[in-house]
Amino acid sequence: METLPEDFQNFIKAVDKAYNKNDEDRLTLERAFDLSSQELRQVNDELRKSEEKFRMLAESSAVAIMMHQGDHWIYANRAAEEISGYTEAELCSMHFWNIVHPDYRDMVKQSGHNRQQGKLMPRAYEFKFIAKNGVEKWVSLSGTQIKYEDKPTALISVTDITERKITEAALMESEIKYRRIFESFEDLYYQTDENGIIRVLSPSVYRLTGWSPDELIGKPDSDIYARPKDREDLVAELFRRGFLRDYEVLLKKKDGTQTYASLTASILTDPDGRPRGVSGTLHDITERKQAQEERQQGFERMRKAMRATVQSISLTVEMKDPYTSGHQQRVADLAQAMAAEMGLSVDRQDFIHIASSIHDIGKISIPSSILSKPTKLTDLEFRLIKTHSLSGYDILKDIEFPWPVADVVLQHHERMNGSGYPQGLKGDDIFLEARILAVADVVEAIAFHRPYRPSLGIAFALEEISLNRGVLYDADAVDACLKLFQEKNYTLDLKK
């Protein structure tokens, strides 16, 4: 039976005292007593409903809710049991910090005391505790100070944040790893916005240019190019192709010197595909460029020395056969011009010029009396003349030219239909360079004076190669030669 409040007890005494009054008064008092009891029951019902509502909300919450008075926990909801692994009774029988991880225990205890004393506290703080099964978990605790049953009470909520902390730790580890990679880049990494303003720079910019990232970030990327047109050209090419690889640029350094770099870049776009900037890397290739220049200079020195050597050999042949003075040089110039007309590379043009300049070197093995004979040669003498191709090959085969010069010299009297000498080769079995040389050799020989006949003229020479185009002589080589003389006014230098 519920104990009535003191006011109601006094009220009853007053009723008893007046009980012997007349019936009318008694009925009035009884009605008043019945009305007050009804109101009390209504208040108690409302309190019970309110408590049930609070308990229902607390028990269904996914957040752990706990209440603490003095040194004891007086309430823990179901979520607190699930997070900790302890029952409500077990939690209420211990100090909460007993399950807090030792590394955070002092901090949690001090925070609890501060809250009880009404000190200003952070809205929430995080720490690690050990569940009943030994598993370590991260939680976020927030709380407030209230009064419950007229006593100071700490009302706290605890949220399990273990997964978030694991994710944060993984992200931080990843960020540290990639930052270390970023900072250890040998190459310079950069990003610009759509206006070419530098937004991101790796620390390696200092090694490449002498500037620190802080000195360049926020400035136009054109500031680091030694030649402004380099930047204009690469941007145009980048937006045309969408990507650039190994694009060479010249950068200016802080100290005023310059350095070569190889650029790889791509366009950055927003979610709608609109360009919003450029990202890329710059690799220092200064040493490589210097090495290339040194190699090129060495190659040019070697080329000059080789040309001088070839010229000396050519002069040796002319001393043996003065009547054909200048023949090899004129053939070499014409053959090189034909190779250029046919679209051959500069390297192959040089190859042809060198081989043509000494294609008759084998004639030094032929007696001068035969070479300068003013009358028609006998069959025996002609057979001896024909050996000069093989003799030239034997002289040149052990010289380390950068091309197969000896083979071209050997083949320069071969013909497309196999009627040539010394091997009777046909078509594509003959080096293209030898086929070009053959046409140039025939044109020069016909056009110029020989000991055994006067000059027949350039018109006769061009008619000869035209009539035998594709039969004796390579068709492309003939076409190139005809175009030079008939359309481009090429002439054979009589002074050579």
Protein backbone atom coordinates (compact mmCIF):
# COMPACT_ATOMS: atom_id res chain seq x y z
CA MET A 1 0.00 0.00 0.00
CA GLU A 2 1.35 3.36 -0.97
CA THR A 3 2.27 5.77 1.88
CA LEU A 4 0.33 8.97 1.63
CA PRO A 5 2.16 12.24 1.73
CA GLU A 6 2.25 14.17 5.00
CA ASP A 7 -0.20 16.75 3.65
CA PHE A 8 -2.74 14.04 3.02
CA GLN A 9 -2.22 12.56 6.48
CA ASN A 10 -2.97 15.92 8.06
CA PHE A 11 -5.93 16.16 5.75
CA ILE A 12 -7.27 12.84 7.08
CA LYS A 13 -6.86 13.93 10.68
CA ALA A 14 -8.92 16.96 9.93
CA VAL A 15 -11.52 14.70 8.41
CA ASP A 16 -11.62 12.48 11.50
CA LYS A 17 -11.93 15.49 13.74
CA ALA A 18 -14.92 16.74 11.87
CA TYR A 19 -16.45 13.35 11.31
CA ASN A 20 -19.23 13.74 13.90
CA LYS A 21 -20.62 16.82 12.27
CA ASN A 22 -23.87 16.64 10.45
CA ASP A 23 -24.31 14.36 7.52
CA GLU A 24 -24.22 17.15 5.02
CA ASP A 25 -20.74 18.22 6.14
CA ARG A 26 -19.61 14.62 6.23
CA LEU A 27 -20.73 14.01 2.69
CA THR A 28 -18.93 17.13 1.53
CA LEU A 29 -15.68 15.96 3.19
CA GLU A 30 -15.99 12.45 1.76
CA ARG A 31 -16.45 13.84 -1.74
CA ALA A 32 -13.35 16.01 -1.30
CA PHE A 33 -11.29 13.01 -0.07
CA ASP A 34 -12.38 10.85 -3.02
CA LEU A 35 -11.44 13.66 -5.45
CA SER A 36 -7.93 14.11 -3.94
CA SER A 37 -7.19 10.36 -4.04
CA GLN A 38 -8.14 10.28 -7.70
CA GLU A 39 -5.79 13.16 -8.53
CA LEU A 40 -2.94 11.41 -6.67
CA ARG A 41 -3.48 8.22 -8.63
CA GLN A 42 -3.48 10.22 -11.86
CA VAL A 43 -0.11 11.85 -10.97
CA ASN A 44 1.39 8.47 -10.10
CA ASP A 45 0.16 7.01 -13.40
CA GLU A 46 1.75 9.84 -15.33
CA LEU A 47 5.04 9.40 -13.47
CA ARG A 48 5.00 5.66 -14.16
CA LYS A 49 4.27 6.23 -17.84
CA SER A 50 7.07 8.78 -18.08
CA GLU A 51 9.52 6.36 -16.43
CA GLU A 52 8.42 3.54 -18.72
CA LYS A 53 8.88 5.81 -21.75
CA PHE A 54 12.40 6.79 -20.61
CA ARG A 55 13.34 3.16 -19.97
CA MET A 56 11.95 2.07 -23.34
CA LEU A 57 13.93 4.79 -25.14
CA ALA A 58 17.11 4.05 -23.17
CA GLU A 59 16.89 0.30 -23.69
CA SER A 60 16.25 0.57 -27.43
CA SER A 61 19.09 3.07 -28.00
CA ALA A 62 22.13 1.90 -30.00
CA VAL A 63 24.22 4.24 -27.85
CA ALA A 64 25.32 3.03 -24.44
CA ILE A 65 23.59 5.11 -21.73
CA MET A 66 24.84 4.96 -18.14
CA MET A 67 24.17 6.83 -14.88
CA HIS A 68 26.75 7.34 -12.15
CA GLN A 69 26.34 8.55 -8.58
CA GLY A 70 29.30 8.96 -6.27
CA ASP A 71 31.57 6.00 -6.87
CA HIS A 72 28.94 3.68 -8.31
CA TRP A 73 27.08 3.13 -11.53
CA ILE A 74 23.37 2.94 -10.92
CA TYR A 75 22.13 2.25 -14.44
CA ALA A 76 23.39 0.80 -17.72
CA ASN A 77 21.22 0.11 -20.76
CA ARG A 78 21.33 -2.89 -23.06
CA ALA A 79 23.72 -1.16 -25.50
CA ALA A 80 26.22 -0.71 -22.65
CA GLU A 81 26.03 -4.43 -21.98
CA GLU A 82 26.60 -5.23 -25.66
CA ILE A 83 29.56 -2.89 -26.05
CA SER A 84 31.29 -3.95 -22.82
CA GLY A 85 30.26 -7.58 -22.61
CA TYR A 86 29.29 -7.07 -18.94
CA THR A 87 25.73 -7.25 -17.57
CA GLU A 88 24.09 -4.22 -15.98
CA ALA A 89 24.55 -5.80 -12.57
CA GLU A 90 28.26 -6.39 -13.23
CA LEU A 91 28.75 -2.82 -14.46
CA CYS A 92 26.93 -1.40 -11.45
CA SER A 93 29.14 -3.46 -9.12
CA MET A 94 32.45 -1.99 -10.39
CA HIS A 95 34.13 1.28 -11.10
CA PHE A 96 33.79 2.04 -14.79
CA TRP A 97 37.47 2.92 -15.15
CA ASN A 98 38.37 -0.62 -14.08
CA ILE A 99 37.61 -1.72 -17.65
CA VAL A 100 39.28 1.30 -19.22
CA HIS A 101 42.58 0.57 -20.98
CA PRO A 102 45.50 1.32 -18.62
CA ASP A 103 46.87 3.95 -21.02
CA TYR A 104 43.67 6.02 -20.60
CA ARG A 105 42.57 5.14 -17.05
CA ASP A 106 43.94 8.23 -15.31
CA MET A 107 42.44 10.50 -17.95
CA VAL A 108 38.97 8.92 -17.61
CA LYS A 109 39.07 9.03 -13.80
CA GLN A 110 40.10 12.68 -13.78
CA SER A 111 37.42 13.57 -16.33
CA GLY A 112 34.79 11.85 -14.18
CA HIS A 113 35.84 13.73 -11.06
CA ASN A 114 35.87 17.03 -12.93
CA ARG A 115 32.36 16.42 -14.22
CA GLN A 116 31.09 15.59 -10.69
CA GLN A 117 32.58 18.84 -9.42
CA GLY A 118 30.80 20.77 -12.14
CA LYS A 119 33.96 21.80 -13.96
CA LEU A 120 33.81 22.77 -17.59
CA MET A 121 34.49 19.66 -19.68
CA PRO A 122 34.82 18.91 -23.39
CA ARG A 123 31.58 17.78 -24.94
CA ALA A 124 33.13 14.40 -25.76
CA TYR A 125 36.45 12.62 -25.54
CA GLU A 126 37.79 9.33 -26.90
CA PHE A 127 39.62 6.50 -25.21
CA LYS A 128 40.18 2.78 -25.38
CA PHE A 129 38.73 0.16 -23.03
CA ILE A 130 38.94 -3.59 -22.67
CA ALA A 131 35.71 -5.59 -23.05
CA LYS A 132 34.94 -8.59 -20.89
CA ASN A 133 36.26 -10.96 -23.60
CA GLY A 134 39.61 -9.13 -23.67
CA VAL A 135 38.98 -7.29 -26.94
CA GLU A 136 40.21 -3.69 -26.99
CA LYS A 137 37.67 -1.17 -28.25
CA TRP A 138 37.62 2.54 -28.96
CA VAL A 139 34.70 4.59 -27.62
CA SER A 140 33.59 8.20 -27.59
CA LEU A 141 32.17 9.38 -24.26
CA SER A 142 30.00 12.43 -23.70
CA GLY A 143 28.12 13.36 -20.58
CA THR A 144 26.36 15.92 -18.45
CA GLN A 145 25.66 16.49 -14.78
CA ILE A 146 22.03 16.15 -13.63
CA LYS A 147 20.09 15.59 -10.39
CA TYR A 148 18.42 12.26 -9.86
CA GLU A 149 16.54 11.52 -6.63
CA ASP A 150 17.92 14.79 -5.34
CA LYS A 151 21.50 13.58 -5.83
CA PRO A 152 24.19 14.80 -8.29
CA THR A 153 24.27 12.25 -11.07
CA ALA A 154 26.44 11.88 -14.16
CA LEU A 155 24.44 10.92 -17.23
CA ILE A 156 26.78 9.68 -19.97
CA SER A 157 26.52 8.19 -23.43
CA VAL A 158 29.19 5.92 -24.90
CA THR A 159 29.50 5.21 -28.63
CA ASP A 160 31.59 2.39 -30.10
CA ILE A 161 33.98 4.04 -32.62
CA THR A 162 36.37 1.13 -33.10
CA GLU A 163 35.71 0.75 -36.84
CA ARG A 164 36.13 4.48 -37.39
CA LYS A 165 39.42 4.51 -35.49
CA ILE A 166 40.69 1.53 -37.49
CA THR A 167 39.73 3.31 -40.72
CA GLU A 168 41.36 6.55 -39.54
CA ALA A 169 44.53 4.69 -38.60
CA ALA A 170 44.62 2.97 -42.00
CA LEU A 171 44.06 6.30 -43.78
CA MET A 172 46.74 7.98 -41.72
CA GLU A 173 49.18 5.17 -42.41
CA SER A 174 48.37 5.37 -46.11
CA GLU A 175 48.74 9.15 -46.08
CA ILE A 176 52.11 8.89 -44.32
CA LYS A 177 53.27 6.24 -46.78
CA TYR A 178 52.26 8.23 -49.84
CA ARG A 179 53.60 11.47 -48.38
CA ARG A 180 56.94 9.79 -47.86
CA ILE A 181 56.83 8.55 -51.45
CA PHE A 182 55.80 12.03 -52.64
CA GLU A 183 58.59 13.68 -50.66
CA SER A 184 61.18 11.16 -51.85
CA PHE A 185 60.37 11.66 -55.56
CA GLU A 186 63.49 12.23 -57.61
CA ASP A 187 61.26 13.67 -60.31
CA LEU A 188 59.37 16.91 -59.85
CA TYR A 189 55.59 16.41 -59.49
CA TYR A 190 53.31 19.37 -60.05
CA GLN A 191 49.68 20.41 -60.52
CA THR A 192 48.33 23.63 -61.98
CA ASP A 193 44.84 25.04 -62.21
CA GLU A 194 43.08 25.93 -65.47
CA ASN A 195 44.95 29.25 -65.57
CA GLY A 196 48.38 27.65 -65.30
CA ILE A 197 48.87 28.69 -61.66
CA ILE A 198 50.97 26.18 -59.72
CA ARG A 199 48.95 24.58 -56.91
CA VAL A 200 51.01 21.51 -55.94
CA LEU A 201 54.80 20.94 -56.06
CA SER A 202 56.89 18.10 -54.70
CA PRO A 203 59.97 18.99 -52.61
CA SER A 204 62.17 17.67 -55.44
CA VAL A 205 61.57 21.00 -57.21
CA TYR A 206 64.50 22.31 -55.17
CA ARG A 207 66.89 19.72 -56.60
CA LEU A 208 65.80 20.48 -60.14
CA THR A 209 65.46 24.28 -60.07
CA GLY A 210 66.88 25.59 -56.79
CA TRP A 211 63.49 27.04 -55.81
CA SER A 212 61.48 25.76 -52.84
CA PRO A 213 57.81 24.80 -53.30
CA ASP A 214 56.72 27.84 -51.26
CA GLU A 215 58.54 30.15 -53.67
CA LEU A 216 56.65 28.81 -56.71
CA ILE A 217 53.22 27.73 -55.49
CA GLY A 218 50.66 30.35 -56.48
CA LYS A 219 52.75 31.58 -59.41
CA PRO A 220 52.32 30.89 -63.16
CA ASP A 221 54.09 27.71 -64.31
CA SER A 222 55.51 29.74 -67.21
CA ASP A 223 57.92 31.28 -64.67
CA ILE A 224 60.09 28.15 -64.69
CA TYR A 225 60.43 27.77 -68.47
CA ALA A 226 63.60 29.19 -70.01
CA ARG A 227 61.85 29.54 -73.36
CA PRO A 228 58.24 30.78 -73.03
CA LYS A 229 57.39 29.18 -76.38
CA ASP A 230 58.18 25.75 -74.87
CA ARG A 231 55.26 26.19 -72.49
CA GLU A 232 52.93 27.43 -75.24
CA ASP A 233 53.84 24.53 -77.52
CA LEU A 234 53.47 21.85 -74.87
CA VAL A 235 50.08 23.16 -73.69
CA ALA A 236 48.82 23.20 -77.29
CA GLU A 237 50.13 19.68 -77.85
CA LEU A 238 48.73 18.47 -74.52
CA PHE A 239 45.21 19.71 -75.27
CA ARG A 240 45.45 18.27 -78.77
CA ARG A 241 46.49 14.79 -77.60
CA GLY A 242 45.25 14.75 -73.98
CA PHE A 243 48.55 13.30 -72.77
CA LEU A 244 52.27 13.94 -73.22
CA ARG A 245 55.20 11.60 -72.57
CA ASP A 246 58.94 12.39 -72.67
CA TYR A 247 58.39 15.93 -73.97
CA GLU A 248 61.69 17.81 -73.69
CA VAL A 249 61.68 21.31 -72.20
CA LEU A 250 64.35 23.74 -71.00
CA LEU A 251 63.86 25.07 -67.46
CA LYS A 252 65.47 28.05 -65.81
CA LYS A 253 66.96 27.66 -62.37
CA LYS A 254 66.99 30.12 -59.49
CA ASP A 255 70.69 30.82 -59.99
CA GLY A 256 70.11 31.81 -63.63
CA THR A 257 71.43 28.60 -65.19
CA GLN A 258 69.31 26.25 -67.27
CA THR A 259 68.51 22.57 -67.14
CA TYR A 260 66.84 20.14 -69.51
CA ALA A 261 63.86 18.11 -68.33
CA SER A 262 61.61 15.44 -69.79
CA LEU A 263 57.93 16.18 -69.14
CA THR A 264 55.08 13.70 -68.80
CA ALA A 265 51.68 15.36 -68.29
CA SER A 266 47.91 14.86 -68.47
CA ILE A 267 44.83 17.07 -68.21
CA LEU A 268 42.87 17.21 -64.95
CA THR A 269 39.09 17.34 -65.38
CA ASP A 270 36.08 17.99 -63.14
CA PRO A 271 33.20 15.49 -62.80
CA ASP A 272 31.61 16.97 -65.93
CA GLY A 273 34.76 16.38 -67.97
CA ARG A 274 35.75 20.04 -68.18
CA PRO A 275 39.49 20.80 -67.92
CA ARG A 276 40.44 22.14 -64.51
CA GLY A 277 44.21 21.99 -64.71
CA VAL A 278 47.26 19.93 -65.54
CA SER A 279 49.29 17.40 -63.57
CA GLY A 280 52.63 15.99 -64.53
CA THR A 281 56.22 15.12 -63.72
CA LEU A 282 59.52 16.62 -64.84
CA HIS A 283 62.62 14.43 -65.00
CA ASP A 284 66.10 15.98 -65.09
CA ILE A 285 67.82 14.91 -68.32
CA THR A 286 70.66 17.44 -68.29
CA GLU A 287 73.33 14.75 -67.96
CA ARG A 288 71.75 12.75 -70.73
CA LYS A 289 71.59 15.79 -73.00
CA GLN A 290 75.21 16.60 -72.26
CA ALA A 291 76.19 13.01 -73.00
CA GLN A 292 74.21 13.15 -76.25
CA GLU A 293 75.93 16.37 -77.25
CA GLU A 294 79.33 14.88 -76.43
CA ARG A 295 78.51 11.77 -78.43
CA GLN A 296 77.28 13.90 -81.30
CA GLN A 297 80.44 15.97 -81.21
CA GLY A 298 82.49 12.77 -81.12
CA PHE A 299 80.47 11.37 -84.00
CA GLU A 300 81.00 14.54 -86.01
CA ARG A 301 84.75 14.36 -85.36
CA MET A 302 84.74 10.73 -86.45
CA ARG A 303 82.64 11.59 -89.50
CA LYS A 304 85.08 14.34 -90.49
CA ALA A 305 88.03 12.01 -90.00
CA MET A 306 86.27 9.34 -92.07
CA ARG A 307 85.48 11.79 -94.83
CA ALA A 308 89.10 12.94 -94.86
CA THR A 309 90.22 9.33 -95.08
CA VAL A 310 87.75 8.57 -97.85
CA GLN A 311 88.86 11.69 -99.72
CA SER A 312 92.46 10.54 -99.47
CA ILE A 313 91.51 7.12 -100.85
CA SER A 314 89.54 8.76 -103.66
CA LEU A 315 92.55 10.91 -104.59
CA THR A 316 94.68 7.77 -104.68
CA VAL A 317 92.38 6.32 -107.32
CA GLU A 318 92.46 9.54 -109.36
CA MET A 319 96.25 9.54 -109.28
CA LYS A 320 96.09 6.04 -110.76
CA ASP A 321 93.47 7.05 -113.37
CA PRO A 322 93.79 10.82 -114.05
CA TYR A 323 91.41 10.63 -117.02
CA THR A 324 88.49 9.98 -114.63
CA SER A 325 89.49 12.78 -112.23
CA GLY A 326 86.44 14.01 -110.29
CA HIS A 327 84.31 11.04 -111.42
CA GLN A 328 83.83 9.53 -107.94
CA GLN A 329 83.02 12.88 -106.33
CA ARG A 330 80.44 13.79 -108.99
CA VAL A 331 78.86 10.34 -108.66
CA ALA A 332 78.80 10.70 -104.87
CA ASP A 333 77.07 14.10 -105.05
CA LEU A 334 74.47 12.88 -107.54
CA ALA A 335 73.81 9.65 -105.63
CA GLN A 336 73.30 11.57 -102.38
CA ALA A 337 70.92 14.01 -104.10
CA MET A 338 68.94 11.06 -105.49
CA ALA A 339 68.74 9.46 -102.03
CA ALA A 340 67.38 12.71 -100.59
CA GLU A 341 64.81 12.92 -103.42
CA MET A 342 63.73 9.36 -102.62
CA GLY A 343 63.13 10.32 -98.95
CA LEU A 344 65.96 8.30 -97.41
CA SER A 345 67.22 9.33 -93.97
CA VAL A 346 70.21 11.63 -93.56
CA ASP A 347 72.18 8.69 -92.22
CA ARG A 348 71.52 6.62 -95.37
CA GLN A 349 72.35 9.64 -97.52
CA ASP A 350 75.73 9.85 -95.78
CA PHE A 351 76.19 6.11 -96.30
CA ILE A 352 75.60 6.48 -100.04
CA HIS A 353 77.91 9.47 -100.32
CA ILE A 354 80.78 7.67 -98.58
CA ALA A 355 80.38 4.48 -100.62
CA SER A 356 80.08 6.42 -103.88
CA SER A 357 83.18 8.49 -103.10
CA ILE A 358 85.35 5.34 -103.17
CA HIS A 359 83.34 2.99 -105.37
CA ASP A 360 86.21 2.68 -107.91
CA ILE A 361 88.99 2.12 -105.36
CA GLY A 362 89.52 -1.35 -106.80
CA LYS A 363 90.94 0.22 -109.96
CA ILE A 364 94.28 0.74 -108.21
CA SER A 365 94.86 -2.95 -108.94
CA ILE A 366 94.34 -2.39 -112.70
CA PRO A 367 97.39 -1.40 -114.83
CA SER A 368 97.38 2.29 -115.77
CA SER A 369 97.86 1.38 -119.41
CA ILE A 370 94.48 -0.30 -119.47
CA LEU A 371 92.72 2.45 -117.49
CA SER A 372 93.96 5.17 -119.86
CA LYS A 373 93.82 3.16 -123.10
CA PRO A 374 92.41 5.49 -125.80
CA THR A 375 91.01 2.67 -127.91
CA LYS A 376 88.42 -0.01 -127.36
CA LEU A 377 89.35 -2.60 -124.76
CA THR A 378 89.89 -6.24 -125.65
CA ASP A 379 87.76 -8.91 -124.00
CA LEU A 380 90.66 -9.82 -121.73
CA GLU A 381 91.24 -6.20 -120.76
CA PHE A 382 87.51 -5.71 -120.08
CA ARG A 383 87.43 -8.84 -117.91
CA LEU A 384 90.36 -7.38 -115.98
CA ILE A 385 88.54 -4.06 -115.58
CA LYS A 386 85.49 -5.92 -114.18
CA THR A 387 87.59 -7.24 -111.30
CA HIS A 388 87.78 -3.76 -109.77
CA SER A 389 84.50 -4.27 -107.86
CA LEU A 390 85.81 -7.35 -106.10
CA SER A 391 89.21 -5.73 -105.53
CA GLY A 392 87.49 -2.75 -103.95
CA TYR A 393 85.53 -5.07 -101.67
CA ASP A 394 88.72 -6.83 -100.57
CA ILE A 395 90.36 -3.48 -99.76
CA LEU A 396 87.38 -2.14 -97.75
CA LYS A 397 85.89 -5.23 -96.08
CA ASP A 398 88.03 -5.01 -92.93
CA ILE A 399 87.52 -1.27 -92.39
CA GLU A 400 84.96 -0.62 -89.60
CA PHE A 401 82.58 1.77 -91.34
CA PRO A 402 79.21 2.38 -89.63
CA TRP A 403 77.56 0.95 -92.79
CA PRO A 404 78.24 -1.98 -95.19
CA VAL A 405 80.30 0.18 -97.54
CA ALA A 406 82.34 -2.74 -98.92
CA ASP A 407 79.15 -4.58 -100.00
CA VAL A 408 77.82 -1.56 -101.89
CA VAL A 409 81.17 -1.11 -103.65
CA LEU A 410 81.07 -4.81 -104.59
CA GLN A 411 77.52 -4.52 -106.02
CA HIS A 412 77.61 -1.19 -107.85
CA HIS A 413 77.83 -2.92 -111.28
CA GLU A 414 74.99 -5.39 -110.58
CA ARG A 415 71.82 -4.93 -112.65
CA MET A 416 68.14 -5.46 -111.86
CA ASN A 417 67.75 -8.30 -114.41
CA GLY A 418 70.84 -10.17 -113.20
CA SER A 419 73.05 -9.19 -116.16
CA GLY A 420 75.55 -7.30 -114.00
CA TYR A 421 78.75 -8.40 -112.27
CA PRO A 422 80.50 -9.81 -110.31
CA GLN A 423 77.73 -11.96 -108.72
CA GLY A 424 74.85 -11.59 -111.17
CA LEU A 425 72.44 -10.45 -108.45
CA LYS A 426 68.85 -9.47 -109.25
CA GLY A 427 66.30 -6.94 -107.94
CA ASP A 428 66.04 -6.62 -104.20
CA ASP A 429 69.04 -8.90 -103.67
CA ILE A 430 71.07 -5.81 -104.50
CA PHE A 431 71.47 -3.17 -101.78
CA LEU A 432 69.26 -0.15 -102.49
CA GLU A 433 72.32 2.04 -101.98
CA ALA A 434 74.15 0.05 -104.68
CA ARG A 435 71.18 0.43 -107.05
CA ILE A 436 71.19 4.21 -106.54
CA LEU A 437 74.97 4.31 -107.02
CA ALA A 438 74.66 2.29 -110.24
CA VAL A 439 72.32 4.87 -111.83
CA ALA A 440 74.49 7.82 -110.76
CA ASP A 441 77.63 6.02 -112.03
CA VAL A 442 76.11 5.35 -115.48
CA VAL A 443 74.80 8.91 -115.88
CA GLU A 444 78.16 10.47 -115.01
CA ALA A 445 80.15 8.01 -117.15
CA ILE A 446 78.01 8.67 -120.24
CA ALA A 447 77.87 12.42 -119.74
CA PHE A 448 81.63 12.90 -119.37
CA HIS A 449 84.69 12.28 -121.57
CA ARG A 450 86.45 8.94 -121.40
CA PRO A 451 89.90 8.02 -122.82
CA TYR A 452 88.28 5.78 -125.43
CA ARG A 453 85.45 8.22 -126.45
CA PRO A 454 84.23 11.80 -126.13
CA SER A 455 81.34 12.89 -123.91
CA LEU A 456 77.92 11.72 -125.06
CA GLY A 457 76.09 14.41 -123.06
CA ILE A 458 73.56 14.41 -120.23
CA ALA A 459 70.57 14.00 -122.56
CA PHE A 460 71.97 10.72 -123.89
CA ALA A 461 72.69 9.57 -120.33
CA LEU A 462 69.11 10.28 -119.20
CA GLU A 463 67.73 8.52 -122.27
CA GLU A 464 69.81 5.45 -121.41
CA ILE A 465 68.44 5.14 -117.87
CA SER A 466 64.88 5.90 -119.06
CA LEU A 467 64.97 3.13 -121.67
CA ASN A 468 66.28 0.61 -119.15
CA ARG A 469 64.18 1.72 -116.19
CA GLY A 470 63.17 -1.37 -114.22
CA VAL A 471 65.25 -3.62 -116.53
CA LEU A 472 68.85 -2.72 -115.77
CA TYR A 473 68.26 0.09 -113.28
CA ASP A 474 66.06 0.51 -110.23
CA ALA A 475 62.85 2.31 -111.24
CA ASP A 476 62.68 4.57 -108.15
CA ALA A 477 66.33 5.56 -108.53
CA VAL A 478 65.79 6.40 -112.22
CA ASP A 479 62.70 8.49 -111.42
CA ALA A 480 64.60 10.42 -108.77
CA CYS A 481 67.49 11.09 -111.12
CA LEU A 482 65.21 12.26 -113.95
CA LYS A 483 63.31 14.55 -111.61
CA LEU A 484 66.53 16.17 -110.41
CA PHE A 485 67.71 16.99 -113.93
CA GLN A 486 64.39 17.67 -115.66
CA GLU A 487 62.46 19.46 -112.91
CA LYS A 488 65.00 20.77 -110.40
CA ASN A 489 67.77 21.86 -112.74
CA TYR A 490 70.40 19.63 -111.20
CA THR A 491 73.81 19.83 -112.95
CA LEU A 492 76.99 17.78 -112.73
CA ASP A 493 79.88 19.90 -111.50
CA LEU A 494 82.48 19.98 -114.31
CA LYS A 495 85.13 21.35 -111.94
CA LYS A 496 85.24 18.16 -109.91
